[in-house]
Amino acid sequence: MKLFPLSAVAILFSACSPNNVKEDDSLKKYFDEHKVTGTFGLFDNARGKFTIYDLKKFKDSAYLPASTFKIVNALIGLETGRVKDDTAVIKWDPNYRFAVEACNGDLPMFRAFRMSCVPWFQTLARMIGKDTMQRWLDTIGYAQRYKKPVIKTVDQFWLDNSIKITADEQLGLVKRMYFQQLPFQPRTQRIVKSMMLMENNSNYQLSYKTGLANSENGNSIGWVVGWIEENRHPYFFALLVESPDPNADLVTARMKTLKDILKQYGFFEGKK
């Protein structure tokens, strides 16, 4: 395992600076439509420019990563050899039933990742082990903006508010993985990158990972982090939606908000 000094990775996930940011308050309408608050950032890699809604929240407000942590969990699992590739199967323990019925069975990594099967990745985290997991979080500087991440329970820490990450850090993570700039083998990053590809057609390729959970104050939060690619030009994004309403449909709100924003910016037509 190649270790990087923390001084070298401290800026690993810090994505934006005042010199390359345009704020766009017009995006508020998409959050208001679903009666949620939140933040959104889009990075145009070719131009090195950000477009952001609610810059302060994007850079300074940290939330539990929820199932977006499956990106890092998968990277570490592959890099350490706990799973060999995305066809690796983890046997299902019937004592741990999940709300998504399709997750209750022996699944390969690819399906478990795309269906966001929590028990599968909890088992993987236990296979990795607390010390190894902590060492990798420290090595890549994951979720460092709020405070140094400290694992309490190895199969719960990304779900129980033990660690928190900003939208800025989330965007930085997926950007660096896309370009194989994280301290993992290129093969490891390619496998996780391929699992994130959710929509693929002649106009665009949309890759992302979602997350859904409750923050410490009881609010429901929903993440979508990833990138959209048109004509081989990637644009990276991080979206967070939040609501105090326990019955808020954030599954619908997060994807509808993301796609409405991307459509406003001219995506999905293959002309970017």
C-alpha atoms as a PDB file:
ATOM      1  CA  MET A   1       0.000   0.000   0.000  1.00  0.00           C
ATOM      2  CA  LYS A   2       1.459   3.319  -1.071  1.00  0.00           C
ATOM      3  CA  LEU A   3       1.141   5.891   1.691  1.00  0.00           C
ATOM      4  CA  PHE A   4       1.033   9.617   0.974  1.00  0.00           C
ATOM      5  CA  PRO A   5       1.968  12.113   3.690  1.00  0.00           C
ATOM      6  CA  LEU A   6      -1.104  13.890   4.992  1.00  0.00           C
ATOM      7  CA  SER A   7       0.419  17.256   4.131  1.00  0.00           C
ATOM      8  CA  ALA A   8       0.354  16.174   0.491  1.00  0.00           C
ATOM      9  CA  VAL A   9      -3.237  15.003   0.516  1.00  0.00           C
ATOM     10  CA  ALA A  10      -4.765  17.725   2.669  1.00  0.00           C
ATOM     11  CA  ILE A  11      -5.930  19.525  -0.472  1.00  0.00           C
ATOM     12  CA  LEU A  12      -6.878  16.323  -2.288  1.00  0.00           C
ATOM     13  CA  PHE A  13     -10.617  16.899  -2.106  1.00  0.00           C
ATOM     14  CA  SER A  14     -10.653  20.708  -1.917  1.00  0.00           C
ATOM     15  CA  ALA A  15     -12.150  21.507  -5.271  1.00  0.00           C
ATOM     16  CA  CYS A  16     -13.027  25.162  -5.692  1.00  0.00           C
ATOM     17  CA  SER A  17     -11.424  28.557  -5.041  1.00  0.00           C
ATOM     18  CA  PRO A  18     -12.843  32.088  -5.339  1.00  0.00           C
ATOM     19  CA  ASN A  19     -11.068  32.689  -8.646  1.00  0.00           C
ATOM     20  CA  ASN A  20     -12.892  30.056 -10.651  1.00  0.00           C
ATOM     21  CA  VAL A  21     -16.433  30.157  -9.248  1.00  0.00           C
ATOM     22  CA  LYS A  22     -19.685  31.537 -10.642  1.00  0.00           C
ATOM     23  CA  GLU A  23     -22.669  31.496  -8.303  1.00  0.00           C
ATOM     24  CA  ASP A  24     -26.083  30.795  -9.827  1.00  0.00           C
ATOM     25  CA  ASP A  25     -29.052  31.597  -7.613  1.00  0.00           C
ATOM     26  CA  SER A  26     -31.467  30.748 -10.442  1.00  0.00           C
ATOM     27  CA  LEU A  27     -31.145  27.100  -9.383  1.00  0.00           C
ATOM     28  CA  LYS A  28     -33.103  27.801  -6.199  1.00  0.00           C
ATOM     29  CA  LYS A  29     -36.357  27.159  -8.038  1.00  0.00           C
ATOM     30  CA  TYR A  30     -35.520  23.487  -8.467  1.00  0.00           C
ATOM     31  CA  PHE A  31     -34.993  23.044  -4.722  1.00  0.00           C
ATOM     32  CA  ASP A  32     -38.133  25.040  -3.942  1.00  0.00           C
ATOM     33  CA  GLU A  33     -40.151  22.797  -6.255  1.00  0.00           C
ATOM     34  CA  HIS A  34     -39.564  19.891  -3.869  1.00  0.00           C
ATOM     35  CA  LYS A  35     -39.647  21.994  -0.678  1.00  0.00           C
ATOM     36  CA  VAL A  36     -36.029  21.197   0.111  1.00  0.00           C
ATOM     37  CA  THR A  37     -32.884  23.185   0.723  1.00  0.00           C
ATOM     38  CA  GLY A  38     -29.444  22.217  -0.435  1.00  0.00           C
ATOM     39  CA  THR A  39     -26.496  22.974  -2.626  1.00  0.00           C
ATOM     40  CA  PHE A  40     -25.156  22.085  -6.058  1.00  0.00           C
ATOM     41  CA  GLY A  41     -21.813  22.436  -7.761  1.00  0.00           C
ATOM     42  CA  LEU A  42     -20.776  21.717 -11.345  1.00  0.00           C
ATOM     43  CA  PHE A  43     -17.160  21.737 -12.528  1.00  0.00           C
ATOM     44  CA  ASP A  44     -16.416  22.246 -16.228  1.00  0.00           C
ATOM     45  CA  ASN A  45     -13.125  20.405 -16.475  1.00  0.00           C
ATOM     46  CA  ALA A  46     -12.149  21.810 -19.872  1.00  0.00           C
ATOM     47  CA  ARG A  47     -12.425  25.406 -18.649  1.00  0.00           C
ATOM     48  CA  GLY A  48     -11.547  24.849 -15.005  1.00  0.00           C
ATOM     49  CA  LYS A  49     -14.710  26.681 -13.911  1.00  0.00           C
ATOM     50  CA  PHE A  50     -17.313  26.009 -11.226  1.00  0.00           C
ATOM     51  CA  THR A  51     -20.975  26.924 -11.240  1.00  0.00           C
ATOM     52  CA  ILE A  52     -22.420  26.697  -7.726  1.00  0.00           C
ATOM     53  CA  TYR A  53     -25.698  27.224  -5.938  1.00  0.00           C
ATOM     54  CA  ASP A  54     -25.179  28.225  -2.269  1.00  0.00           C
ATOM     55  CA  LEU A  55     -21.406  28.471  -2.186  1.00  0.00           C
ATOM     56  CA  LYS A  56     -21.148  28.621   1.603  1.00  0.00           C
ATOM     57  CA  LYS A  57     -23.088  25.389   2.054  1.00  0.00           C
ATOM     58  CA  PHE A  58     -21.133  23.767  -0.786  1.00  0.00           C
ATOM     59  CA  LYS A  59     -17.752  24.478   0.790  1.00  0.00           C
ATOM     60  CA  ASP A  60     -18.422  24.667   4.517  1.00  0.00           C
ATOM     61  CA  SER A  61     -21.409  22.478   5.467  1.00  0.00           C
ATOM     62  CA  ALA A  62     -20.508  18.847   6.164  1.00  0.00           C
ATOM     63  CA  TYR A  63     -22.895  15.899   6.258  1.00  0.00           C
ATOM     64  CA  LEU A  64     -22.593  12.171   6.677  1.00  0.00           C
ATOM     65  CA  PRO A  65     -21.704  10.592   3.325  1.00  0.00           C
ATOM     66  CA  ALA A  66     -24.346   7.838   3.588  1.00  0.00           C
ATOM     67  CA  SER A  67     -24.209   5.492   0.602  1.00  0.00           C
ATOM     68  CA  THR A  68     -21.911   7.752  -1.405  1.00  0.00           C
ATOM     69  CA  PHE A  69     -19.239   6.162   0.821  1.00  0.00           C
ATOM     70  CA  LYS A  70     -19.687   3.002  -1.236  1.00  0.00           C
ATOM     71  CA  ILE A  71     -17.321   4.662  -3.721  1.00  0.00           C
ATOM     72  CA  VAL A  72     -14.504   4.675  -1.166  1.00  0.00           C
ATOM     73  CA  ASN A  73     -15.541   1.363   0.393  1.00  0.00           C
ATOM     74  CA  ALA A  74     -15.345  -0.270  -3.040  1.00  0.00           C
ATOM     75  CA  LEU A  75     -11.984   1.342  -3.832  1.00  0.00           C
ATOM     76  CA  ILE A  76     -10.463   0.069  -0.580  1.00  0.00           C
ATOM     77  CA  GLY A  77     -12.034  -3.366  -0.917  1.00  0.00           C
ATOM     78  CA  LEU A  78     -10.572  -3.798  -4.391  1.00  0.00           C
ATOM     79  CA  GLU A  79      -7.184  -2.294  -3.572  1.00  0.00           C
ATOM     80  CA  THR A  80      -6.702  -4.545  -0.541  1.00  0.00           C
ATOM     81  CA  GLY A  81      -7.833  -7.653  -2.402  1.00  0.00           C
ATOM     82  CA  ARG A  82     -10.841  -8.288  -0.160  1.00  0.00           C
ATOM     83  CA  VAL A  83     -12.777  -8.489  -3.427  1.00  0.00           C
ATOM     84  CA  LYS A  84     -11.059  -9.279  -6.728  1.00  0.00           C
ATOM     85  CA  ASP A  85     -13.308  -7.340  -9.123  1.00  0.00           C
ATOM     86  CA  ASP A  86     -16.911  -6.274  -9.657  1.00  0.00           C
ATOM     87  CA  THR A  87     -18.024  -9.881 -10.213  1.00  0.00           C
ATOM     88  CA  ALA A  88     -16.997 -10.870  -6.665  1.00  0.00           C
ATOM     89  CA  VAL A  89     -19.915 -12.306  -4.687  1.00  0.00           C
ATOM     90  CA  ILE A  90     -20.476 -11.827  -0.969  1.00  0.00           C
ATOM     91  CA  LYS A  91     -22.771 -14.430   0.568  1.00  0.00           C
ATOM     92  CA  TRP A  92     -25.944 -13.048   2.060  1.00  0.00           C
ATOM     93  CA  ASP A  93     -26.566 -13.470   5.765  1.00  0.00           C
ATOM     94  CA  PRO A  94     -30.348 -13.972   6.162  1.00  0.00           C
ATOM     95  CA  ASN A  95     -30.109 -12.446   9.644  1.00  0.00           C
ATOM     96  CA  TYR A  96     -29.576  -9.074   7.948  1.00  0.00           C
ATOM     97  CA  ARG A  97     -32.597  -8.346   5.795  1.00  0.00           C
ATOM     98  CA  PHE A  98     -32.672  -5.075   3.870  1.00  0.00           C
ATOM     99  CA  ALA A  99     -35.651  -2.942   2.887  1.00  0.00           C
ATOM    100  CA  VAL A 100     -34.768  -3.383  -0.801  1.00  0.00           C
ATOM    101  CA  GLU A 101     -35.785  -6.998  -1.359  1.00  0.00           C
ATOM    102  CA  ALA A 102     -33.472  -7.408  -4.350  1.00  0.00           C
ATOM    103  CA  CYS A 103     -30.531  -6.907  -1.972  1.00  0.00           C
ATOM    104  CA  ASN A 104     -31.450  -9.964   0.081  1.00  0.00           C
ATOM    105  CA  GLY A 105     -29.374 -12.607  -1.663  1.00  0.00           C
ATOM    106  CA  ASP A 106     -25.907 -13.549  -2.844  1.00  0.00           C
ATOM    107  CA  LEU A 107     -24.902 -10.630  -5.052  1.00  0.00           C
ATOM    108  CA  PRO A 108     -21.891  -9.636  -7.142  1.00  0.00           C
ATOM    109  CA  MET A 109     -20.297  -6.314  -6.328  1.00  0.00           C
ATOM    110  CA  PHE A 110     -21.582  -4.654  -9.514  1.00  0.00           C
ATOM    111  CA  ARG A 111     -25.242  -5.263  -8.653  1.00  0.00           C
ATOM    112  CA  ALA A 112     -24.786  -4.491  -4.956  1.00  0.00           C
ATOM    113  CA  PHE A 113     -23.159  -1.161  -5.804  1.00  0.00           C
ATOM    114  CA  ARG A 114     -25.771  -0.095  -8.335  1.00  0.00           C
ATOM    115  CA  MET A 115     -28.684  -1.119  -6.099  1.00  0.00           C
ATOM    116  CA  SER A 116     -26.910   0.487  -3.126  1.00  0.00           C
ATOM    117  CA  CYS A 117     -27.214  -2.600  -0.941  1.00  0.00           C
ATOM    118  CA  VAL A 118     -26.147  -1.504   2.528  1.00  0.00           C
ATOM    119  CA  PRO A 119     -25.652  -4.994   4.097  1.00  0.00           C
ATOM    120  CA  TRP A 120     -23.298  -6.055   1.247  1.00  0.00           C
ATOM    121  CA  PHE A 121     -21.017  -3.096   1.843  1.00  0.00           C
ATOM    122  CA  GLN A 122     -21.249  -3.448   5.623  1.00  0.00           C
ATOM    123  CA  THR A 123     -19.915  -6.977   5.195  1.00  0.00           C
ATOM    124  CA  LEU A 124     -17.159  -5.663   2.932  1.00  0.00           C
ATOM    125  CA  ALA A 125     -16.231  -3.053   5.562  1.00  0.00           C
ATOM    126  CA  ARG A 126     -15.933  -5.801   8.197  1.00  0.00           C
ATOM    127  CA  MET A 127     -13.742  -7.799   5.789  1.00  0.00           C
ATOM    128  CA  ILE A 128     -11.491  -4.756   5.329  1.00  0.00           C
ATOM    129  CA  GLY A 129     -11.262  -4.210   9.076  1.00  0.00           C
ATOM    130  CA  LYS A 130     -11.256  -1.080  11.196  1.00  0.00           C
ATOM    131  CA  ASP A 131      -7.498  -0.430  11.227  1.00  0.00           C
ATOM    132  CA  THR A 132      -7.061  -0.862   7.465  1.00  0.00           C
ATOM    133  CA  MET A 133     -10.128   1.245   6.742  1.00  0.00           C
ATOM    134  CA  GLN A 134      -8.902   4.025   9.045  1.00  0.00           C
ATOM    135  CA  ARG A 135      -5.436   3.951   7.467  1.00  0.00           C
ATOM    136  CA  TRP A 136      -6.909   4.412   4.003  1.00  0.00           C
ATOM    137  CA  LEU A 137      -9.209   7.247   5.074  1.00  0.00           C
ATOM    138  CA  ASP A 138      -6.174   9.004   6.533  1.00  0.00           C
ATOM    139  CA  THR A 139      -4.069   8.254   3.451  1.00  0.00           C
ATOM    140  CA  ILE A 140      -6.514   9.760   0.960  1.00  0.00           C
ATOM    141  CA  GLY A 141      -7.561  12.587   3.288  1.00  0.00           C
ATOM    142  CA  TYR A 142     -11.212  11.586   3.082  1.00  0.00           C
ATOM    143  CA  ALA A 143     -13.757  13.847   4.836  1.00  0.00           C
ATOM    144  CA  GLN A 144     -11.069  16.026   6.414  1.00  0.00           C
ATOM    145  CA  ARG A 145     -12.755  19.436   6.062  1.00  0.00           C
ATOM    146  CA  TYR A 146     -15.073  19.039   9.065  1.00  0.00           C
ATOM    147  CA  LYS A 147     -12.730  17.110  11.339  1.00  0.00           C
ATOM    148  CA  LYS A 148     -10.407  14.134  11.108  1.00  0.00           C
ATOM    149  CA  PRO A 149     -12.588  11.063  10.446  1.00  0.00           C
ATOM    150  CA  VAL A 150     -12.426   8.547  13.281  1.00  0.00           C
ATOM    151  CA  ILE A 151     -14.048   5.169  12.778  1.00  0.00           C
ATOM    152  CA  LYS A 152     -16.112   4.039  15.746  1.00  0.00           C
ATOM    153  CA  THR A 153     -17.941   1.038  14.303  1.00  0.00           C
ATOM    154  CA  VAL A 154     -16.469  -0.236  11.053  1.00  0.00           C
ATOM    155  CA  ASP A 155     -19.796  -1.156   9.457  1.00  0.00           C
ATOM    156  CA  GLN A 156     -21.717   1.952  10.594  1.00  0.00           C
ATOM    157  CA  PHE A 157     -19.450   5.007  10.582  1.00  0.00           C
ATOM    158  CA  TRP A 158     -20.620   6.387   7.218  1.00  0.00           C
ATOM    159  CA  LEU A 159     -24.247   6.020   8.316  1.00  0.00           C
ATOM    160  CA  ASP A 160     -24.226   7.219  11.934  1.00  0.00           C
ATOM    161  CA  ASN A 161     -22.726  10.726  11.565  1.00  0.00           C
ATOM    162  CA  SER A 162     -19.311   9.609  12.859  1.00  0.00           C
ATOM    163  CA  ILE A 163     -17.733  11.212   9.784  1.00  0.00           C
ATOM    164  CA  LYS A 164     -18.902  14.141   7.670  1.00  0.00           C
ATOM    165  CA  ILE A 165     -17.998  15.422   4.227  1.00  0.00           C
ATOM    166  CA  THR A 166     -18.698  18.604   2.257  1.00  0.00           C
ATOM    167  CA  ALA A 167     -20.131  18.742  -1.252  1.00  0.00           C
ATOM    168  CA  ASP A 168     -16.850  20.326  -2.349  1.00  0.00           C
ATOM    169  CA  GLU A 169     -14.926  17.298  -1.077  1.00  0.00           C
ATOM    170  CA  GLN A 170     -17.398  14.933  -2.734  1.00  0.00           C
ATOM    171  CA  LEU A 171     -16.850  16.593  -6.102  1.00  0.00           C
ATOM    172  CA  GLY A 172     -13.096  16.524  -5.628  1.00  0.00           C
ATOM    173  CA  LEU A 173     -13.202  12.802  -4.887  1.00  0.00           C
ATOM    174  CA  VAL A 174     -15.059  11.786  -8.045  1.00  0.00           C
ATOM    175  CA  LYS A 175     -13.023  14.143 -10.210  1.00  0.00           C
ATOM    176  CA  ARG A 176      -9.744  12.656  -9.050  1.00  0.00           C
ATOM    177  CA  MET A 177     -11.022   9.107  -9.370  1.00  0.00           C
ATOM    178  CA  TYR A 178     -12.153   9.815 -12.947  1.00  0.00           C
ATOM    179  CA  PHE A 179      -8.608  10.875 -13.849  1.00  0.00           C
ATOM    180  CA  GLN A 180      -7.045   8.065 -11.771  1.00  0.00           C
ATOM    181  CA  GLN A 181      -5.370  10.573  -9.467  1.00  0.00           C
ATOM    182  CA  LEU A 182      -6.240   8.864  -6.178  1.00  0.00           C
ATOM    183  CA  PRO A 183      -3.545   6.756  -4.481  1.00  0.00           C
ATOM    184  CA  PHE A 184      -5.070   3.506  -5.743  1.00  0.00           C
ATOM    185  CA  GLN A 185      -4.042   1.353  -8.676  1.00  0.00           C
ATOM    186  CA  PRO A 186      -5.516   2.539 -12.004  1.00  0.00           C
ATOM    187  CA  ARG A 187      -7.386  -0.771 -12.316  1.00  0.00           C
ATOM    188  CA  THR A 188      -9.097  -0.202  -8.966  1.00  0.00           C
ATOM    189  CA  GLN A 189     -10.289   3.254 -10.016  1.00  0.00           C
ATOM    190  CA  ARG A 190     -11.438   2.025 -13.445  1.00  0.00           C
ATOM    191  CA  ILE A 191     -13.603  -0.682 -11.881  1.00  0.00           C
ATOM    192  CA  VAL A 192     -15.389   1.717  -9.522  1.00  0.00           C
ATOM    193  CA  LYS A 193     -15.729   4.291 -12.275  1.00  0.00           C
ATOM    194  CA  SER A 194     -17.417   1.715 -14.510  1.00  0.00           C
ATOM    195  CA  MET A 195     -19.876   0.738 -11.763  1.00  0.00           C
ATOM    196  CA  MET A 196     -21.030   4.352 -11.527  1.00  0.00           C
ATOM    197  CA  LEU A 197     -22.131   4.560 -15.175  1.00  0.00           C
ATOM    198  CA  MET A 198     -25.937   4.643 -14.939  1.00  0.00           C
ATOM    199  CA  GLU A 199     -27.050   6.138 -18.287  1.00  0.00           C
ATOM    200  CA  ASN A 200     -25.179   5.630 -21.543  1.00  0.00           C
ATOM    201  CA  ASN A 201     -26.386   6.684 -24.980  1.00  0.00           C
ATOM    202  CA  SER A 202     -25.168   8.492 -28.075  1.00  0.00           C
ATOM    203  CA  ASN A 203     -25.759  11.945 -26.518  1.00  0.00           C
ATOM    204  CA  TYR A 204     -24.310  11.580 -23.033  1.00  0.00           C
ATOM    205  CA  GLN A 205     -22.992   9.307 -20.310  1.00  0.00           C
ATOM    206  CA  LEU A 206     -24.255   9.972 -16.774  1.00  0.00           C
ATOM    207  CA  SER A 207     -22.329   8.417 -13.877  1.00  0.00           C
ATOM    208  CA  TYR A 208     -23.220   8.848 -10.223  1.00  0.00           C
ATOM    209  CA  LYS A 209     -23.669   7.416  -6.745  1.00  0.00           C
ATOM    210  CA  THR A 210     -26.544   8.363  -4.488  1.00  0.00           C
ATOM    211  CA  GLY A 211     -26.899   8.519  -0.727  1.00  0.00           C
ATOM    212  CA  LEU A 212     -29.839   8.891   1.653  1.00  0.00           C
ATOM    213  CA  ALA A 213     -29.765   9.273   5.444  1.00  0.00           C
ATOM    214  CA  ASN A 214     -30.610  11.427   8.456  1.00  0.00           C
ATOM    215  CA  SER A 215     -28.259  14.080   9.788  1.00  0.00           C
ATOM    216  CA  GLU A 216     -27.596  14.672  13.473  1.00  0.00           C
ATOM    217  CA  ASN A 217     -30.367  17.274  13.668  1.00  0.00           C
ATOM    218  CA  GLY A 218     -32.882  14.744  12.352  1.00  0.00           C
ATOM    219  CA  ASN A 219     -33.181  16.236   8.866  1.00  0.00           C
ATOM    220  CA  SER A 220     -33.338  13.900   5.893  1.00  0.00           C
ATOM    221  CA  ILE A 221     -30.534  14.378   3.370  1.00  0.00           C
ATOM    222  CA  GLY A 222     -29.998  13.071  -0.128  1.00  0.00           C
ATOM    223  CA  TRP A 223     -26.767  13.038  -2.155  1.00  0.00           C
ATOM    224  CA  VAL A 224     -25.978  12.586  -5.831  1.00  0.00           C
ATOM    225  CA  VAL A 225     -22.300  12.816  -6.789  1.00  0.00           C
ATOM    226  CA  GLY A 226     -20.665  11.997 -10.105  1.00  0.00           C
ATOM    227  CA  TRP A 227     -20.195  13.376 -13.602  1.00  0.00           C
ATOM    228  CA  ILE A 228     -21.844  13.790 -16.965  1.00  0.00           C
ATOM    229  CA  GLU A 229     -19.841  13.364 -20.132  1.00  0.00           C
ATOM    230  CA  GLU A 230     -20.670  14.657 -23.605  1.00  0.00           C
ATOM    231  CA  ASN A 231     -18.353  14.426 -26.591  1.00  0.00           C
ATOM    232  CA  ARG A 232     -15.694  13.059 -24.226  1.00  0.00           C
ATOM    233  CA  HIS A 233     -15.808  16.213 -22.093  1.00  0.00           C
ATOM    234  CA  PRO A 234     -16.520  15.449 -18.410  1.00  0.00           C
ATOM    235  CA  TYR A 235     -18.379  17.797 -16.076  1.00  0.00           C
ATOM    236  CA  PHE A 236     -18.308  16.835 -12.398  1.00  0.00           C
ATOM    237  CA  PHE A 237     -21.099  17.533  -9.925  1.00  0.00           C
ATOM    238  CA  ALA A 238     -22.200  17.180  -6.331  1.00  0.00           C
ATOM    239  CA  LEU A 239     -25.783  17.725  -5.213  1.00  0.00           C
ATOM    240  CA  LEU A 240     -27.182  17.736  -1.687  1.00  0.00           C
ATOM    241  CA  VAL A 241     -30.854  18.096  -0.802  1.00  0.00           C
ATOM    242  CA  GLU A 242     -32.153  18.421   2.760  1.00  0.00           C
ATOM    243  CA  SER A 243     -35.560  18.491   4.433  1.00  0.00           C
ATOM    244  CA  PRO A 244     -36.859  18.512   8.027  1.00  0.00           C
ATOM    245  CA  ASP A 245     -39.928  16.580   6.810  1.00  0.00           C
ATOM    246  CA  PRO A 246     -39.471  12.864   7.630  1.00  0.00           C
ATOM    247  CA  ASN A 247     -41.890  12.006   4.812  1.00  0.00           C
ATOM    248  CA  ALA A 248     -40.101  14.055   2.142  1.00  0.00           C
ATOM    249  CA  ASP A 249     -39.479  12.056  -1.026  1.00  0.00           C
ATOM    250  CA  LEU A 250     -35.795  12.818  -1.415  1.00  0.00           C
ATOM    251  CA  VAL A 251     -35.259   9.871  -3.758  1.00  0.00           C
ATOM    252  CA  THR A 252     -37.384  11.678  -6.335  1.00  0.00           C
ATOM    253  CA  ALA A 253     -36.264  15.173  -5.330  1.00  0.00           C
ATOM    254  CA  ARG A 254     -32.537  14.555  -5.721  1.00  0.00           C
ATOM    255  CA  MET A 255     -32.684  13.016  -9.206  1.00  0.00           C
ATOM    256  CA  LYS A 256     -35.341  15.405 -10.532  1.00  0.00           C
ATOM    257  CA  THR A 257     -33.357  18.383  -9.197  1.00  0.00           C
ATOM    258  CA  LEU A 258     -30.116  17.088 -10.707  1.00  0.00           C
ATOM    259  CA  LYS A 259     -31.619  16.470 -14.126  1.00  0.00           C
ATOM    260  CA  ASP A 260     -33.532  19.761 -14.196  1.00  0.00           C
ATOM    261  CA  ILE A 261     -30.319  21.642 -13.410  1.00  0.00           C
ATOM    262  CA  LEU A 262     -28.307  19.762 -16.023  1.00  0.00           C
ATOM    263  CA  LYS A 263     -31.054  20.339 -18.584  1.00  0.00           C
ATOM    264  CA  GLN A 264     -31.017  24.087 -17.830  1.00  0.00           C
ATOM    265  CA  TYR A 265     -27.288  24.062 -18.581  1.00  0.00           C
ATOM    266  CA  GLY A 266     -27.852  22.399 -21.958  1.00  0.00           C
ATOM    267  CA  PHE A 267     -26.955  18.799 -21.195  1.00  0.00           C
ATOM    268  CA  PHE A 268     -28.546  15.599 -22.547  1.00  0.00           C
ATOM    269  CA  GLU A 269     -28.488  16.738 -26.187  1.00  0.00           C
ATOM    270  CA  GLY A 270     -24.909  15.817 -27.038  1.00  0.00           C
ATOM    271  CA  LYS A 271     -23.999  19.437 -27.845  1.00  0.00           C
ATOM    272  CA  LYS A 272     -21.687  20.314 -24.927  1.00  0.00           C
END
